[in-house]
Amino acid sequence: MEVEKTTDPTSFHGAYRMTPADFDELLVLVGPHIGKQITNFRDPVGVPERLGITLRPPQTPSDTTKT
């Protein structure tokens, strides 16, 4: 996620519909509320990844098929 924000901000904006700065601001606001506790079984998905998954628009079958 961090590499995507720094290497190509235009691509990041196309995927998440916001600038990297706006994403970071939103992360500061909601991050403490969406974080999960580390357990003995596995590490949780990171907060930036969790927010990124939530913000990405769902893909339809027509988006994934190649013509």
N, C-alpha and C. Protein backbone atom coordinates (compact mmCIF):
# COMPACT_ATOMS: atom_id res chain seq x y z
N MET A 1 0.84 -1.19 0.00
CA MET A 1 0.00 0.00 0.00
C MET A 1 0.89 1.25 0.00
N GLU A 2 1.90 1.28 0.84
CA GLU A 2 2.76 2.46 0.94
C GLU A 2 3.51 2.69 -0.37
N VAL A 3 3.97 1.61 -1.00
CA VAL A 3 4.68 1.74 -2.27
C VAL A 3 3.76 2.29 -3.34
N GLU A 4 2.52 1.83 -3.35
CA GLU A 4 1.55 2.30 -4.34
C GLU A 4 1.29 3.80 -4.18
N LYS A 5 1.27 4.28 -2.94
CA LYS A 5 1.00 5.70 -2.70
C LYS A 5 2.15 6.57 -3.18
N THR A 6 3.38 6.09 -3.00
CA THR A 6 4.53 6.94 -3.32
C THR A 6 4.98 6.82 -4.77
N THR A 7 4.80 5.66 -5.40
CA THR A 7 5.32 5.49 -6.76
C THR A 7 4.40 6.08 -7.82
N ASP A 8 3.10 5.94 -7.64
CA ASP A 8 2.18 6.42 -8.67
C ASP A 8 0.90 6.97 -8.04
N PRO A 9 0.92 8.24 -7.62
CA PRO A 9 -0.27 8.83 -7.00
C PRO A 9 -1.49 8.85 -7.92
N THR A 10 -1.28 8.94 -9.24
CA THR A 10 -2.41 8.96 -10.17
C THR A 10 -3.12 7.62 -10.16
N SER A 11 -2.35 6.54 -10.16
CA SER A 11 -2.94 5.20 -10.10
C SER A 11 -3.65 5.00 -8.77
N PHE A 12 -3.05 5.50 -7.70
CA PHE A 12 -3.67 5.40 -6.38
C PHE A 12 -5.01 6.13 -6.37
N HIS A 13 -5.05 7.32 -6.95
CA HIS A 13 -6.29 8.09 -7.00
C HIS A 13 -7.35 7.37 -7.83
N GLY A 14 -6.94 6.72 -8.91
CA GLY A 14 -7.88 5.98 -9.73
C GLY A 14 -8.47 4.78 -9.00
N ALA A 15 -7.67 4.15 -8.15
CA ALA A 15 -8.13 2.96 -7.44
C ALA A 15 -8.99 3.30 -6.23
N TYR A 16 -8.60 4.33 -5.49
CA TYR A 16 -9.28 4.63 -4.23
C TYR A 16 -10.14 5.89 -4.27
N ARG A 17 -10.11 6.61 -5.40
CA ARG A 17 -10.90 7.82 -5.59
C ARG A 17 -10.59 8.90 -4.56
N MET A 18 -9.35 8.98 -4.13
CA MET A 18 -8.89 10.04 -3.23
C MET A 18 -7.37 10.14 -3.34
N THR A 19 -6.83 11.26 -2.92
CA THR A 19 -5.38 11.44 -2.95
C THR A 19 -4.75 10.66 -1.80
N PRO A 20 -3.45 10.37 -1.91
CA PRO A 20 -2.77 9.71 -0.80
C PRO A 20 -2.85 10.51 0.51
N ALA A 21 -2.83 11.84 0.41
CA ALA A 21 -2.95 12.67 1.61
C ALA A 21 -4.32 12.51 2.26
N ASP A 22 -5.37 12.46 1.45
CA ASP A 22 -6.72 12.25 1.98
C ASP A 22 -6.85 10.87 2.61
N PHE A 23 -6.22 9.86 1.99
CA PHE A 23 -6.24 8.51 2.54
C PHE A 23 -5.57 8.49 3.91
N ASP A 24 -4.42 9.16 4.03
CA ASP A 24 -3.72 9.21 5.31
C ASP A 24 -4.55 9.92 6.38
N GLU A 25 -5.23 10.98 5.99
CA GLU A 25 -6.09 11.70 6.94
C GLU A 25 -7.24 10.82 7.41
N LEU A 26 -7.86 10.11 6.49
CA LEU A 26 -8.94 9.19 6.84
C LEU A 26 -8.42 8.06 7.73
N LEU A 27 -7.22 7.59 7.44
CA LEU A 27 -6.60 6.53 8.23
C LEU A 27 -6.38 6.97 9.67
N VAL A 28 -5.98 8.21 9.87
CA VAL A 28 -5.80 8.74 11.23
C VAL A 28 -7.14 8.79 11.96
N LEU A 29 -8.21 9.13 11.25
CA LEU A 29 -9.52 9.24 11.89
C LEU A 29 -10.14 7.89 12.24
N VAL A 30 -10.07 6.93 11.33
CA VAL A 30 -10.75 5.65 11.56
C VAL A 30 -9.83 4.53 11.99
N GLY A 31 -8.53 4.72 11.84
CA GLY A 31 -7.57 3.67 12.16
C GLY A 31 -7.73 3.04 13.54
N PRO A 32 -7.86 3.84 14.59
CA PRO A 32 -8.01 3.24 15.93
C PRO A 32 -9.28 2.41 16.08
N HIS A 33 -10.27 2.66 15.25
CA HIS A 33 -11.54 1.95 15.37
C HIS A 33 -11.60 0.66 14.56
N ILE A 34 -10.72 0.52 13.58
CA ILE A 34 -10.77 -0.67 12.73
C ILE A 34 -9.60 -1.62 12.95
N GLY A 35 -8.69 -1.27 13.84
CA GLY A 35 -7.56 -2.15 14.13
C GLY A 35 -8.00 -3.38 14.90
N LYS A 36 -7.28 -4.47 14.70
CA LYS A 36 -7.59 -5.72 15.39
C LYS A 36 -6.42 -6.10 16.29
N GLN A 37 -6.70 -6.94 17.26
CA GLN A 37 -5.71 -7.38 18.23
C GLN A 37 -4.88 -8.53 17.67
N ILE A 38 -3.58 -8.53 17.96
CA ILE A 38 -2.71 -9.62 17.55
C ILE A 38 -2.96 -10.81 18.48
N THR A 39 -3.12 -12.00 17.90
CA THR A 39 -3.36 -13.21 18.68
C THR A 39 -2.24 -14.21 18.45
N ASN A 40 -2.29 -15.33 19.17
CA ASN A 40 -1.30 -16.38 19.00
C ASN A 40 -1.49 -17.14 17.69
N PHE A 41 -2.66 -17.06 17.10
CA PHE A 41 -2.95 -17.83 15.90
C PHE A 41 -2.40 -17.18 14.64
N ARG A 42 -2.62 -15.89 14.49
CA ARG A 42 -2.15 -15.21 13.29
C ARG A 42 -2.13 -13.70 13.52
N ASP A 43 -1.38 -13.02 12.67
CA ASP A 43 -1.36 -11.56 12.72
C ASP A 43 -2.56 -11.04 11.93
N PRO A 44 -3.17 -9.97 12.41
CA PRO A 44 -4.33 -9.42 11.70
C PRO A 44 -3.90 -8.66 10.45
N VAL A 45 -4.84 -8.42 9.58
CA VAL A 45 -4.61 -7.57 8.41
C VAL A 45 -4.33 -6.17 8.94
N GLY A 46 -3.32 -5.51 8.39
CA GLY A 46 -2.95 -4.18 8.84
C GLY A 46 -4.06 -3.16 8.62
N VAL A 47 -4.01 -2.10 9.40
CA VAL A 47 -5.05 -1.07 9.32
C VAL A 47 -5.08 -0.39 7.93
N PRO A 48 -3.93 -0.02 7.34
CA PRO A 48 -4.01 0.58 6.00
C PRO A 48 -4.59 -0.37 4.95
N GLU A 49 -4.22 -1.65 5.04
CA GLU A 49 -4.76 -2.62 4.09
C GLU A 49 -6.25 -2.81 4.31
N ARG A 50 -6.68 -2.85 5.56
CA ARG A 50 -8.10 -3.02 5.87
C ARG A 50 -8.91 -1.85 5.31
N LEU A 51 -8.41 -0.64 5.48
CA LEU A 51 -9.11 0.54 4.95
C LEU A 51 -9.10 0.52 3.42
N GLY A 52 -7.97 0.14 2.83
CA GLY A 52 -7.88 0.07 1.37
C GLY A 52 -8.85 -0.92 0.77
N ILE A 53 -8.99 -2.08 1.39
CA ILE A 53 -9.94 -3.09 0.91
C ILE A 53 -11.36 -2.56 0.99
N THR A 54 -11.65 -1.83 2.05
CA THR A 54 -13.00 -1.28 2.23
C THR A 54 -13.32 -0.22 1.18
N LEU A 55 -12.34 0.57 0.81
CA LEU A 55 -12.59 1.69 -0.10
C LEU A 55 -12.59 1.31 -1.57
N ARG A 56 -11.93 0.24 -1.93
CA ARG A 56 -11.88 -0.14 -3.35
C ARG A 56 -13.26 -0.55 -3.84
N PRO A 57 -13.65 -0.09 -5.01
CA PRO A 57 -14.97 -0.48 -5.53
C PRO A 57 -14.98 -1.96 -5.90
N PRO A 58 -16.10 -2.63 -5.73
CA PRO A 58 -16.16 -4.05 -6.09
C PRO A 58 -16.04 -4.25 -7.60
N GLN A 59 -15.43 -5.35 -7.97
CA GLN A 59 -15.29 -5.65 -9.39
C GLN A 59 -16.48 -6.48 -9.85
N THR A 60 -16.91 -6.21 -11.04
CA THR A 60 -17.98 -7.00 -11.64
C THR A 60 -17.34 -8.01 -12.59
N PRO A 61 -18.05 -9.06 -12.96
CA PRO A 61 -17.47 -10.03 -13.90
C PRO A 61 -17.00 -9.39 -15.20
N SER A 62 -17.67 -8.35 -15.64
CA SER A 62 -17.26 -7.70 -16.89
C SER A 62 -15.92 -6.97 -16.72
N ASP A 63 -15.57 -6.58 -15.48
CA ASP A 63 -14.29 -5.93 -15.24
C ASP A 63 -13.13 -6.92 -15.34
N THR A 64 -13.38 -8.18 -15.04
CA THR A 64 -12.31 -9.16 -14.97
C THR A 64 -12.15 -9.99 -16.23
N THR A 65 -13.12 -9.97 -17.12
CA THR A 65 -13.02 -10.76 -18.34
C THR A 65 -12.22 -10.02 -19.39
N LYS A 66 -11.44 -10.78 -20.13
CA LYS A 66 -10.62 -10.19 -21.19
C LYS A 66 -11.30 -10.45 -22.53
N THR A 67 -11.26 -9.45 -23.38
CA THR A 67 -11.89 -9.62 -24.69
C THR A 67 -10.85 -9.81 -25.76
